[in-house]
Amino acid sequence: MTKFTRYVILLSLNSGKRLTEDLIRKHIAFLRKLEQNGQLELCGPLSDYEGGMVIIRASSCEEARSVAESGPFVSTGTESYELRAWQLSCEENNHLGAG
């Protein structure tokens, strides 16, 4: 895991699908597992879009993809996802060496 990389999982509700209470509970259990493993950075639904975002720590893009695909929203086909590698700019890394 690179210290200054996070992976952003952008979730989108698939057409004709809906989130049931049972599925939401499974998603929350999944998020709790990520948090217990030290992988969960931030998460939540988007207020202006049918979907949400999960930001995780992972050792590689492949690991992040595996996490995304194992989530109940995606594994059931209820939501699709896009994966982005996010480079953190901060004082500790001199704003990606440009500061």
PDB file of N, CA and C in Angstrom:
ATOM      1  N   MET A   1       0.851  -1.176   0.000  1.00  0.00           N
ATOM      2  CA  MET A   1       0.000   0.000   0.000  1.00  0.00           C
ATOM      3  C   MET A   1       0.891   1.232   0.000  1.00  0.00           C
ATOM      4  N   THR A   2       0.657   2.090  -0.969  1.00  0.00           N
ATOM      5  CA  THR A   2       1.416   3.317  -0.925  1.00  0.00           C
ATOM      6  C   THR A   2       0.747   4.271   0.056  1.00  0.00           C
ATOM      7  N   LYS A   3       1.562   4.922   0.808  1.00  0.00           N
ATOM      8  CA  LYS A   3       1.091   5.760   1.909  1.00  0.00           C
ATOM      9  C   LYS A   3       0.143   6.861   1.445  1.00  0.00           C
ATOM     10  N   PHE A   4       0.347   7.384   0.261  1.00  0.00           N
ATOM     11  CA  PHE A   4      -0.423   8.527  -0.197  1.00  0.00           C
ATOM     12  C   PHE A   4      -1.393   8.190  -1.330  1.00  0.00           C
ATOM     13  N   THR A   5      -1.818   6.937  -1.418  1.00  0.00           N
ATOM     14  CA  THR A   5      -2.802   6.530  -2.422  1.00  0.00           C
ATOM     15  C   THR A   5      -4.023   5.948  -1.728  1.00  0.00           C
ATOM     16  N   ARG A   6      -5.179   6.368  -2.164  1.00  0.00           N
ATOM     17  CA  ARG A   6      -6.443   5.770  -1.742  1.00  0.00           C
ATOM     18  C   ARG A   6      -7.179   5.365  -3.008  1.00  0.00           C
ATOM     19  N   TYR A   7      -8.109   4.453  -2.862  1.00  0.00           N
ATOM     20  CA  TYR A   7      -8.911   4.010  -3.992  1.00  0.00           C
ATOM     21  C   TYR A   7     -10.353   4.424  -3.757  1.00  0.00           C
ATOM     22  N   VAL A   8     -10.907   5.073  -4.761  1.00  0.00           N
ATOM     23  CA  VAL A   8     -12.271   5.586  -4.698  1.00  0.00           C
ATOM     24  C   VAL A   8     -13.162   4.645  -5.504  1.00  0.00           C
ATOM     25  N   ILE A   9     -14.151   4.090  -4.833  1.00  0.00           N
ATOM     26  CA  ILE A   9     -15.140   3.223  -5.476  1.00  0.00           C
ATOM     27  C   ILE A   9     -16.408   4.049  -5.621  1.00  0.00           C
ATOM     28  N   LEU A  10     -16.745   4.404  -6.855  1.00  0.00           N
ATOM     29  CA  LEU A  10     -17.948   5.171  -7.144  1.00  0.00           C
ATOM     30  C   LEU A  10     -19.061   4.200  -7.509  1.00  0.00           C
ATOM     31  N   LEU A  11     -20.095   4.158  -6.706  1.00  0.00           N
ATOM     32  CA  LEU A  11     -21.195   3.224  -6.900  1.00  0.00           C
ATOM     33  C   LEU A  11     -22.367   3.914  -7.587  1.00  0.00           C
ATOM     34  N   SER A  12     -22.996   3.226  -8.545  1.00  0.00           N
ATOM     35  CA  SER A  12     -24.150   3.751  -9.271  1.00  0.00           C
ATOM     36  C   SER A  12     -25.246   2.699  -9.285  1.00  0.00           C
ATOM     37  N   LEU A  13     -26.445   3.114  -8.923  1.00  0.00           N
ATOM     38  CA  LEU A  13     -27.583   2.201  -8.927  1.00  0.00           C
ATOM     39  C   LEU A  13     -27.913   1.821 -10.369  1.00  0.00           C
ATOM     40  N   ASN A  14     -28.031   0.518 -10.623  1.00  0.00           N
ATOM     41  CA  ASN A  14     -28.355   0.039 -11.959  1.00  0.00           C
ATOM     42  C   ASN A  14     -29.837   0.231 -12.246  1.00  0.00           C
ATOM     43  N   SER A  15     -30.144   0.507 -13.492  1.00  0.00           N
ATOM     44  CA  SER A  15     -31.514   0.739 -13.933  1.00  0.00           C
ATOM     45  C   SER A  15     -32.415  -0.441 -13.562  1.00  0.00           C
ATOM     46  N   GLY A  16     -33.555  -0.122 -12.999  1.00  0.00           N
ATOM     47  CA  GLY A  16     -34.520  -1.156 -12.632  1.00  0.00           C
ATOM     48  C   GLY A  16     -34.236  -1.846 -11.314  1.00  0.00           C
ATOM     49  N   LYS A  17     -33.159  -1.470 -10.643  1.00  0.00           N
ATOM     50  CA  LYS A  17     -32.784  -2.094  -9.367  1.00  0.00           C
ATOM     51  C   LYS A  17     -33.157  -1.159  -8.217  1.00  0.00           C
ATOM     52  N   ARG A  18     -33.260  -1.745  -7.035  1.00  0.00           N
ATOM     53  CA  ARG A  18     -33.509  -0.927  -5.848  1.00  0.00           C
ATOM     54  C   ARG A  18     -32.768  -1.528  -4.666  1.00  0.00           C
ATOM     55  N   LEU A  19     -32.502  -0.692  -3.688  1.00  0.00           N
ATOM     56  CA  LEU A  19     -31.804  -1.131  -2.482  1.00  0.00           C
ATOM     57  C   LEU A  19     -32.836  -1.566  -1.449  1.00  0.00           C
ATOM     58  N   THR A  20     -32.794  -2.812  -1.084  1.00  0.00           N
ATOM     59  CA  THR A  20     -33.701  -3.315  -0.060  1.00  0.00           C
ATOM     60  C   THR A  20     -33.062  -3.135   1.317  1.00  0.00           C
ATOM     61  N   GLU A  21     -33.887  -3.220   2.339  1.00  0.00           N
ATOM     62  CA  GLU A  21     -33.352  -3.101   3.704  1.00  0.00           C
ATOM     63  C   GLU A  21     -32.329  -4.196   3.983  1.00  0.00           C
ATOM     64  N   ASP A  22     -32.615  -5.413   3.540  1.00  0.00           N
ATOM     65  CA  ASP A  22     -31.687  -6.523   3.756  1.00  0.00           C
ATOM     66  C   ASP A  22     -30.343  -6.259   3.066  1.00  0.00           C
ATOM     67  N   LEU A  23     -30.396  -5.763   1.852  1.00  0.00           N
ATOM     68  CA  LEU A  23     -29.164  -5.483   1.113  1.00  0.00           C
ATOM     69  C   LEU A  23     -28.371  -4.354   1.775  1.00  0.00           C
ATOM     70  N   ILE A  24     -29.060  -3.342   2.250  1.00  0.00           N
ATOM     71  CA  ILE A  24     -28.383  -2.236   2.940  1.00  0.00           C
ATOM     72  C   ILE A  24     -27.707  -2.751   4.208  1.00  0.00           C
ATOM     73  N   ARG A  25     -28.365  -3.631   4.935  1.00  0.00           N
ATOM     74  CA  ARG A  25     -27.760  -4.205   6.151  1.00  0.00           C
ATOM     75  C   ARG A  25     -26.506  -5.016   5.806  1.00  0.00           C
ATOM     76  N   LYS A  26     -26.547  -5.757   4.705  1.00  0.00           N
ATOM     77  CA  LYS A  26     -25.364  -6.518   4.266  1.00  0.00           C
ATOM     78  C   LYS A  26     -24.235  -5.571   3.868  1.00  0.00           C
ATOM     79  N   HIS A  27     -24.587  -4.463   3.232  1.00  0.00           N
ATOM     80  CA  HIS A  27     -23.583  -3.468   2.846  1.00  0.00           C
ATOM     81  C   HIS A  27     -22.932  -2.858   4.092  1.00  0.00           C
ATOM     82  N   ILE A  28     -23.725  -2.557   5.093  1.00  0.00           N
ATOM     83  CA  ILE A  28     -23.188  -1.993   6.335  1.00  0.00           C
ATOM     84  C   ILE A  28     -22.252  -2.993   7.013  1.00  0.00           C
ATOM     85  N   ALA A  29     -22.623  -4.263   7.026  1.00  0.00           N
ATOM     86  CA  ALA A  29     -21.743  -5.295   7.594  1.00  0.00           C
ATOM     87  C   ALA A  29     -20.426  -5.354   6.818  1.00  0.00           C
ATOM     88  N   PHE A  30     -20.506  -5.222   5.505  1.00  0.00           N
ATOM     89  CA  PHE A  30     -19.319  -5.199   4.647  1.00  0.00           C
ATOM     90  C   PHE A  30     -18.431  -3.999   4.995  1.00  0.00           C
ATOM     91  N   LEU A  31     -19.046  -2.830   5.171  1.00  0.00           N
ATOM     92  CA  LEU A  31     -18.286  -1.634   5.535  1.00  0.00           C
ATOM     93  C   LEU A  31     -17.626  -1.797   6.899  1.00  0.00           C
ATOM     94  N   ARG A  32     -18.334  -2.404   7.830  1.00  0.00           N
ATOM     95  CA  ARG A  32     -17.756  -2.631   9.169  1.00  0.00           C
ATOM     96  C   ARG A  32     -16.547  -3.555   9.090  1.00  0.00           C
ATOM     97  N   LYS A  33     -16.627  -4.560   8.229  1.00  0.00           N
ATOM     98  CA  LYS A  33     -15.490  -5.470   8.044  1.00  0.00           C
ATOM     99  C   LYS A  33     -14.286  -4.716   7.470  1.00  0.00           C
ATOM    100  N   LEU A  34     -14.542  -3.855   6.488  1.00  0.00           N
ATOM    101  CA  LEU A  34     -13.450  -3.038   5.927  1.00  0.00           C
ATOM    102  C   LEU A  34     -12.836  -2.155   7.002  1.00  0.00           C
ATOM    103  N   GLU A  35     -13.694  -1.577   7.844  1.00  0.00           N
ATOM    104  CA  GLU A  35     -13.191  -0.709   8.904  1.00  0.00           C
ATOM    105  C   GLU A  35     -12.356  -1.496   9.910  1.00  0.00           C
ATOM    106  N   GLN A  36     -12.802  -2.686  10.282  1.00  0.00           N
ATOM    107  CA  GLN A  36     -12.052  -3.530  11.213  1.00  0.00           C
ATOM    108  C   GLN A  36     -10.696  -3.914  10.633  1.00  0.00           C
ATOM    109  N   ASN A  37     -10.630  -4.069   9.309  1.00  0.00           N
ATOM    110  CA  ASN A  37      -9.376  -4.425   8.632  1.00  0.00           C
ATOM    111  C   ASN A  37      -8.476  -3.220   8.381  1.00  0.00           C
ATOM    112  N   GLY A  38      -8.924  -2.033   8.776  1.00  0.00           N
ATOM    113  CA  GLY A  38      -8.132  -0.825   8.556  1.00  0.00           C
ATOM    114  C   GLY A  38      -8.145  -0.342   7.123  1.00  0.00           C
ATOM    115  N   GLN A  39      -9.110  -0.790   6.322  1.00  0.00           N
ATOM    116  CA  GLN A  39      -9.157  -0.410   4.914  1.00  0.00           C
ATOM    117  C   GLN A  39     -10.094   0.753   4.622  1.00  0.00           C
ATOM    118  N   LEU A  40     -11.119   0.932   5.418  1.00  0.00           N
ATOM    119  CA  LEU A  40     -12.119   1.953   5.136  1.00  0.00           C
ATOM    120  C   LEU A  40     -11.622   3.330   5.549  1.00  0.00           C
ATOM    121  N   GLU A  41     -11.643   4.260   4.604  1.00  0.00           N
ATOM    122  CA  GLU A  41     -11.256   5.644   4.867  1.00  0.00           C
ATOM    123  C   GLU A  41     -12.508   6.501   5.086  1.00  0.00           C
ATOM    124  N   LEU A  42     -13.393   6.523   4.108  1.00  0.00           N
ATOM    125  CA  LEU A  42     -14.645   7.275   4.159  1.00  0.00           C
ATOM    126  C   LEU A  42     -15.685   6.560   3.299  1.00  0.00           C
ATOM    127  N   CYS A  43     -16.965   6.811   3.588  1.00  0.00           N
ATOM    128  CA  CYS A  43     -18.006   6.235   2.749  1.00  0.00           C
ATOM    129  C   CYS A  43     -19.317   6.968   2.975  1.00  0.00           C
ATOM    130  N   GLY A  44     -20.216   6.827   2.033  1.00  0.00           N
ATOM    131  CA  GLY A  44     -21.539   7.392   2.201  1.00  0.00           C
ATOM    132  C   GLY A  44     -22.257   7.552   0.878  1.00  0.00           C
ATOM    133  N   PRO A  45     -23.588   7.741   0.969  1.00  0.00           N
ATOM    134  CA  PRO A  45     -24.382   7.956  -0.244  1.00  0.00           C
ATOM    135  C   PRO A  45     -24.171   9.379  -0.768  1.00  0.00           C
ATOM    136  N   LEU A  46     -24.409   9.554  -2.044  1.00  0.00           N
ATOM    137  CA  LEU A  46     -24.349  10.872  -2.659  1.00  0.00           C
ATOM    138  C   LEU A  46     -25.749  11.478  -2.613  1.00  0.00           C
ATOM    139  N   SER A  47     -25.853  12.736  -2.246  1.00  0.00           N
ATOM    140  CA  SER A  47     -27.173  13.358  -2.101  1.00  0.00           C
ATOM    141  C   SER A  47     -27.748  13.851  -3.422  1.00  0.00           C
ATOM    142  N   ASP A  48     -26.916  13.941  -4.457  1.00  0.00           N
ATOM    143  CA  ASP A  48     -27.392  14.444  -5.743  1.00  0.00           C
ATOM    144  C   ASP A  48     -27.294  13.406  -6.864  1.00  0.00           C
ATOM    145  N   TYR A  49     -27.208  12.133  -6.480  1.00  0.00           N
ATOM    146  CA  TYR A  49     -27.006  11.071  -7.479  1.00  0.00           C
ATOM    147  C   TYR A  49     -27.453   9.757  -6.871  1.00  0.00           C
ATOM    148  N   GLU A  50     -27.950   8.835  -7.688  1.00  0.00           N
ATOM    149  CA  GLU A  50     -28.372   7.505  -7.218  1.00  0.00           C
ATOM    150  C   GLU A  50     -27.147   6.608  -7.063  1.00  0.00           C
ATOM    151  N   GLY A  51     -26.465   6.737  -5.957  1.00  0.00           N
ATOM    152  CA  GLY A  51     -25.276   5.937  -5.710  1.00  0.00           C
ATOM    153  C   GLY A  51     -24.511   6.478  -4.526  1.00  0.00           C
ATOM    154  N   GLY A  52     -23.267   6.045  -4.410  1.00  0.00           N
ATOM    155  CA  GLY A  52     -22.459   6.470  -3.283  1.00  0.00           C
ATOM    156  C   GLY A  52     -20.983   6.322  -3.582  1.00  0.00           C
ATOM    157  N   MET A  53     -20.184   6.555  -2.554  1.00  0.00           N
ATOM    158  CA  MET A  53     -18.743   6.504  -2.690  1.00  0.00           C
ATOM    159  C   MET A  53     -18.147   5.794  -1.475  1.00  0.00           C
ATOM    160  N   VAL A  54     -17.179   4.935  -1.743  1.00  0.00           N
ATOM    161  CA  VAL A  54     -16.421   4.271  -0.691  1.00  0.00           C
ATOM    162  C   VAL A  54     -14.951   4.522  -0.997  1.00  0.00           C
ATOM    163  N   ILE A  55     -14.241   5.096  -0.052  1.00  0.00           N
ATOM    164  CA  ILE A  55     -12.812   5.366  -0.230  1.00  0.00           C
ATOM    165  C   ILE A  55     -12.054   4.411   0.685  1.00  0.00           C
ATOM    166  N   ILE A  56     -11.155   3.635   0.085  1.00  0.00           N
ATOM    167  CA  ILE A  56     -10.453   2.594   0.839  1.00  0.00           C
ATOM    168  C   ILE A  56      -8.942   2.714   0.686  1.00  0.00           C
ATOM    169  N   ARG A  57      -8.265   2.031   1.594  1.00  0.00           N
ATOM    170  CA  ARG A  57      -6.829   1.797   1.495  1.00  0.00           C
ATOM    171  C   ARG A  57      -6.663   0.385   0.931  1.00  0.00           C
ATOM    172  N   ALA A  58      -5.766   0.228  -0.022  1.00  0.00           N
ATOM    173  CA  ALA A  58      -5.475  -1.085  -0.597  1.00  0.00           C
ATOM    174  C   ALA A  58      -4.035  -1.088  -1.078  1.00  0.00           C
ATOM    175  N   SER A  59      -3.465  -2.272  -1.212  1.00  0.00           N
ATOM    176  CA  SER A  59      -2.064  -2.383  -1.630  1.00  0.00           C
ATOM    177  C   SER A  59      -1.889  -2.236  -3.142  1.00  0.00           C
ATOM    178  N   SER A  60      -2.983  -2.359  -3.893  1.00  0.00           N
ATOM    179  CA  SER A  60      -2.900  -2.263  -5.351  1.00  0.00           C
ATOM    180  C   SER A  60      -4.290  -2.021  -5.925  1.00  0.00           C
ATOM    181  N   CYS A  61      -4.303  -1.649  -7.185  1.00  0.00           N
ATOM    182  CA  CYS A  61      -5.569  -1.476  -7.890  1.00  0.00           C
ATOM    183  C   CYS A  61      -6.326  -2.801  -7.952  1.00  0.00           C
ATOM    184  N   GLU A  62      -5.608  -3.891  -8.114  1.00  0.00           N
ATOM    185  CA  GLU A  62      -6.240  -5.208  -8.180  1.00  0.00           C
ATOM    186  C   GLU A  62      -6.933  -5.548  -6.859  1.00  0.00           C
ATOM    187  N   GLU A  63      -6.266  -5.241  -5.747  1.00  0.00           N
ATOM    188  CA  GLU A  63      -6.885  -5.486  -4.443  1.00  0.00           C
ATOM    189  C   GLU A  63      -8.129  -4.613  -4.268  1.00  0.00           C
ATOM    190  N   ALA A  64      -8.034  -3.359  -4.673  1.00  0.00           N
ATOM    191  CA  ALA A  64      -9.182  -2.457  -4.568  1.00  0.00           C
ATOM    192  C   ALA A  64     -10.339  -2.952  -5.429  1.00  0.00           C
ATOM    193  N   ARG A  65     -10.047  -3.452  -6.623  1.00  0.00           N
ATOM    194  CA  ARG A  65     -11.086  -3.999  -7.503  1.00  0.00           C
ATOM    195  C   ARG A  65     -11.750  -5.205  -6.853  1.00  0.00           C
ATOM    196  N   SER A  66     -10.960  -6.048  -6.220  1.00  0.00           N
ATOM    197  CA  SER A  66     -11.495  -7.211  -5.526  1.00  0.00           C
ATOM    198  C   SER A  66     -12.425  -6.791  -4.388  1.00  0.00           C
ATOM    199  N   VAL A  67     -12.029  -5.760  -3.651  1.00  0.00           N
ATOM    200  CA  VAL A  67     -12.878  -5.233  -2.574  1.00  0.00           C
ATOM    201  C   VAL A  67     -14.192  -4.731  -3.159  1.00  0.00           C
ATOM    202  N   ALA A  68     -14.109  -3.926  -4.210  1.00  0.00           N
ATOM    203  CA  ALA A  68     -15.316  -3.364  -4.829  1.00  0.00           C
ATOM    204  C   ALA A  68     -16.258  -4.469  -5.291  1.00  0.00           C
ATOM    205  N   GLU A  69     -15.710  -5.482  -5.931  1.00  0.00           N
ATOM    206  CA  GLU A  69     -16.541  -6.546  -6.495  1.00  0.00           C
ATOM    207  C   GLU A  69     -17.095  -7.490  -5.440  1.00  0.00           C
ATOM    208  N   SER A  70     -16.504  -7.508  -4.255  1.00  0.00           N
ATOM    209  CA  SER A  70     -17.011  -8.374  -3.190  1.00  0.00           C
ATOM    210  C   SER A  70     -18.092  -7.696  -2.346  1.00  0.00           C
ATOM    211  N   GLY A  71     -18.276  -6.396  -2.529  1.00  0.00           N
ATOM    212  CA  GLY A  71     -19.333  -5.697  -1.806  1.00  0.00           C
ATOM    213  C   GLY A  71     -20.699  -6.160  -2.270  1.00  0.00           C
ATOM    214  N   PRO A  72     -21.658  -6.269  -1.364  1.00  0.00           N
ATOM    215  CA  PRO A  72     -22.966  -6.803  -1.717  1.00  0.00           C
ATOM    216  C   PRO A  72     -23.731  -5.980  -2.753  1.00  0.00           C
ATOM    217  N   PHE A  73     -23.553  -4.668  -2.784  1.00  0.00           N
ATOM    218  CA  PHE A  73     -24.246  -3.875  -3.794  1.00  0.00           C
ATOM    219  C   PHE A  73     -23.798  -4.271  -5.195  1.00  0.00           C
ATOM    220  N   VAL A  74     -22.499  -4.518  -5.361  1.00  0.00           N
ATOM    221  CA  VAL A  74     -21.952  -4.875  -6.667  1.00  0.00           C
ATOM    222  C   VAL A  74     -22.137  -6.363  -6.949  1.00  0.00           C
ATOM    223  N   SER A  75     -21.838  -7.216  -5.976  1.00  0.00           N
ATOM    224  CA  SER A  75     -21.895  -8.672  -6.217  1.00  0.00           C
ATOM    225  C   SER A  75     -23.310  -9.150  -6.548  1.00  0.00           C
ATOM    226  N   THR A  76     -24.338  -8.422  -6.109  1.00  0.00           N
ATOM    227  CA  THR A  76     -25.722  -8.798  -6.432  1.00  0.00           C
ATOM    228  C   THR A  76     -26.194  -8.187  -7.744  1.00  0.00           C
ATOM    229  N   GLY A  77     -25.383  -7.322  -8.337  1.00  0.00           N
ATOM    230  CA  GLY A  77     -25.769  -6.673  -9.581  1.00  0.00           C
ATOM    231  C   GLY A  77     -26.690  -5.478  -9.380  1.00  0.00           C
ATOM    232  N   THR A  78     -26.887  -5.068  -8.138  1.00  0.00           N
ATOM    233  CA  THR A  78     -27.759  -3.929  -7.847  1.00  0.00           C
ATOM    234  C   THR A  78     -27.092  -2.618  -8.251  1.00  0.00           C
ATOM    235  N   GLU A  79     -25.797  -2.534  -8.036  1.00  0.00           N
ATOM    236  CA  GLU A  79     -25.052  -1.346  -8.426  1.00  0.00           C
ATOM    237  C   GLU A  79     -23.843  -1.745  -9.257  1.00  0.00           C
ATOM    238  N   SER A  80     -23.421  -0.822 -10.090  1.00  0.00           N
ATOM    239  CA  SER A  80     -22.159  -0.975 -10.811  1.00  0.00           C
ATOM    240  C   SER A  80     -21.166  -0.011 -10.166  1.00  0.00           C
ATOM    241  N   TYR A  81     -19.908  -0.119 -10.551  1.00  0.00           N
ATOM    242  CA  TYR A  81     -18.902   0.736  -9.927  1.00  0.00           C
ATOM    243  C   TYR A  81     -17.859   1.199 -10.916  1.00  0.00           C
ATOM    244  N   GLU A  82     -17.226   2.291 -10.570  1.00  0.00           N
ATOM    245  CA  GLU A  82     -16.019   2.770 -11.234  1.00  0.00           C
ATOM    246  C   GLU A  82     -14.957   2.846 -10.155  1.00  0.00           C
ATOM    247  N   LEU A  83     -13.737   2.527 -10.497  1.00  0.00           N
ATOM    248  CA  LEU A  83     -12.633   2.555  -9.545  1.00  0.00           C
ATOM    249  C   LEU A  83     -11.624   3.603  -9.982  1.00  0.00           C
ATOM    250  N   ARG A  84     -11.214   4.444  -9.036  1.00  0.00           N
ATOM    251  CA  ARG A  84     -10.223   5.470  -9.307  1.00  0.00           C
ATOM    252  C   ARG A  84      -9.126   5.411  -8.251  1.00  0.00           C
ATOM    253  N   ALA A  85      -7.870   5.560  -8.678  1.00  0.00           N
ATOM    254  CA  ALA A  85      -6.737   5.681  -7.753  1.00  0.00           C
ATOM    255  C   ALA A  85      -6.564   7.166  -7.472  1.00  0.00           C
ATOM    256  N   TRP A  86      -6.600   7.522  -6.206  1.00  0.00           N
ATOM    257  CA  TRP A  86      -6.554   8.924  -5.783  1.00  0.00           C
ATOM    258  C   TRP A  86      -5.223   9.189  -5.097  1.00  0.00           C
ATOM    259  N   GLN A  87      -4.438  10.098  -5.647  1.00  0.00           N
ATOM    260  CA  GLN A  87      -3.158  10.490  -5.070  1.00  0.00           C
ATOM    261  C   GLN A  87      -3.397  11.640  -4.108  1.00  0.00           C
ATOM    262  N   LEU A  88      -3.047  11.449  -2.845  1.00  0.00           N
ATOM    263  CA  LEU A  88      -3.273  12.468  -1.838  1.00  0.00           C
ATOM    264  C   LEU A  88      -2.178  13.527  -1.889  1.00  0.00           C
ATOM    265  N   SER A  89      -2.587  14.760  -1.913  1.00  0.00           N
ATOM    266  CA  SER A  89      -1.672  15.889  -1.869  1.00  0.00           C
ATOM    267  C   SER A  89      -1.749  16.479  -0.470  1.00  0.00           C
ATOM    268  N   CYS A  90      -0.600  16.505   0.214  1.00  0.00           N
ATOM    269  CA  CYS A  90      -0.593  17.018   1.590  1.00  0.00           C
ATOM    270  C   CYS A  90       0.797  17.565   1.921  1.00  0.00           C
ATOM    271  N   GLU A  91       0.885  18.213   3.051  1.00  0.00           N
ATOM    272  CA  GLU A  91       2.167  18.804   3.463  1.00  0.00           C
ATOM    273  C   GLU A  91       3.231  17.716   3.660  1.00  0.00           C
ATOM    274  N   GLU A  92       2.819  16.564   4.164  1.00  0.00           N
ATOM    275  CA  GLU A  92       3.774  15.484   4.432  1.00  0.00           C
ATOM    276  C   GLU A  92       4.505  15.008   3.172  1.00  0.00           C
ATOM    277  N   ASN A  93       3.824  15.035   2.010  1.00  0.00           N
ATOM    278  CA  ASN A  93       4.511  14.634   0.782  1.00  0.00           C
ATOM    279  C   ASN A  93       4.834  15.839  -0.108  1.00  0.00           C
ATOM    280  N   ASN A  94       4.896  17.023   0.560  1.00  0.00           N
ATOM    281  CA  ASN A  94       5.223  18.269  -0.139  1.00  0.00           C
ATOM    282  C   ASN A  94       4.297  18.480  -1.334  1.00  0.00           C
ATOM    283  N   HIS A  95       3.032  18.182  -1.119  1.00  0.00           N
ATOM    284  CA  HIS A  95       1.999  18.302  -2.151  1.00  0.00           C
ATOM    285  C   HIS A  95       2.451  17.652  -3.460  1.00  0.00           C
ATOM    286  N   LEU A  96       2.700  16.331  -3.323  1.00  0.00           N
ATOM    287  CA  LEU A  96       3.129  15.479  -4.427  1.00  0.00           C
ATOM    288  C   LEU A  96       4.462  15.937  -5.032  1.00  0.00           C
ATOM    289  N   GLY A  97       5.282  16.529  -4.177  1.00  0.00           N
ATOM    290  CA  GLY A  97       6.611  16.953  -4.605  1.00  0.00           C
ATOM    291  C   GLY A  97       6.619  18.278  -5.353  1.00  0.00           C
ATOM    292  N   ALA A  98       5.464  18.909  -5.473  1.00  0.00           N
ATOM    293  CA  ALA A  98       5.388  20.146  -6.257  1.00  0.00           C
ATOM    294  C   ALA A  98       5.406  21.389  -5.377  1.00  0.00           C
ATOM    295  N   GLY A  99       5.430  21.191  -4.052  1.00  0.00           N
ATOM    296  CA  GLY A  99       5.317  22.350  -3.165  1.00  0.00           C
ATOM    297  C   GLY A  99       6.636  22.880  -2.776  1.00  0.00           C
TER     298      GLY A  99
END
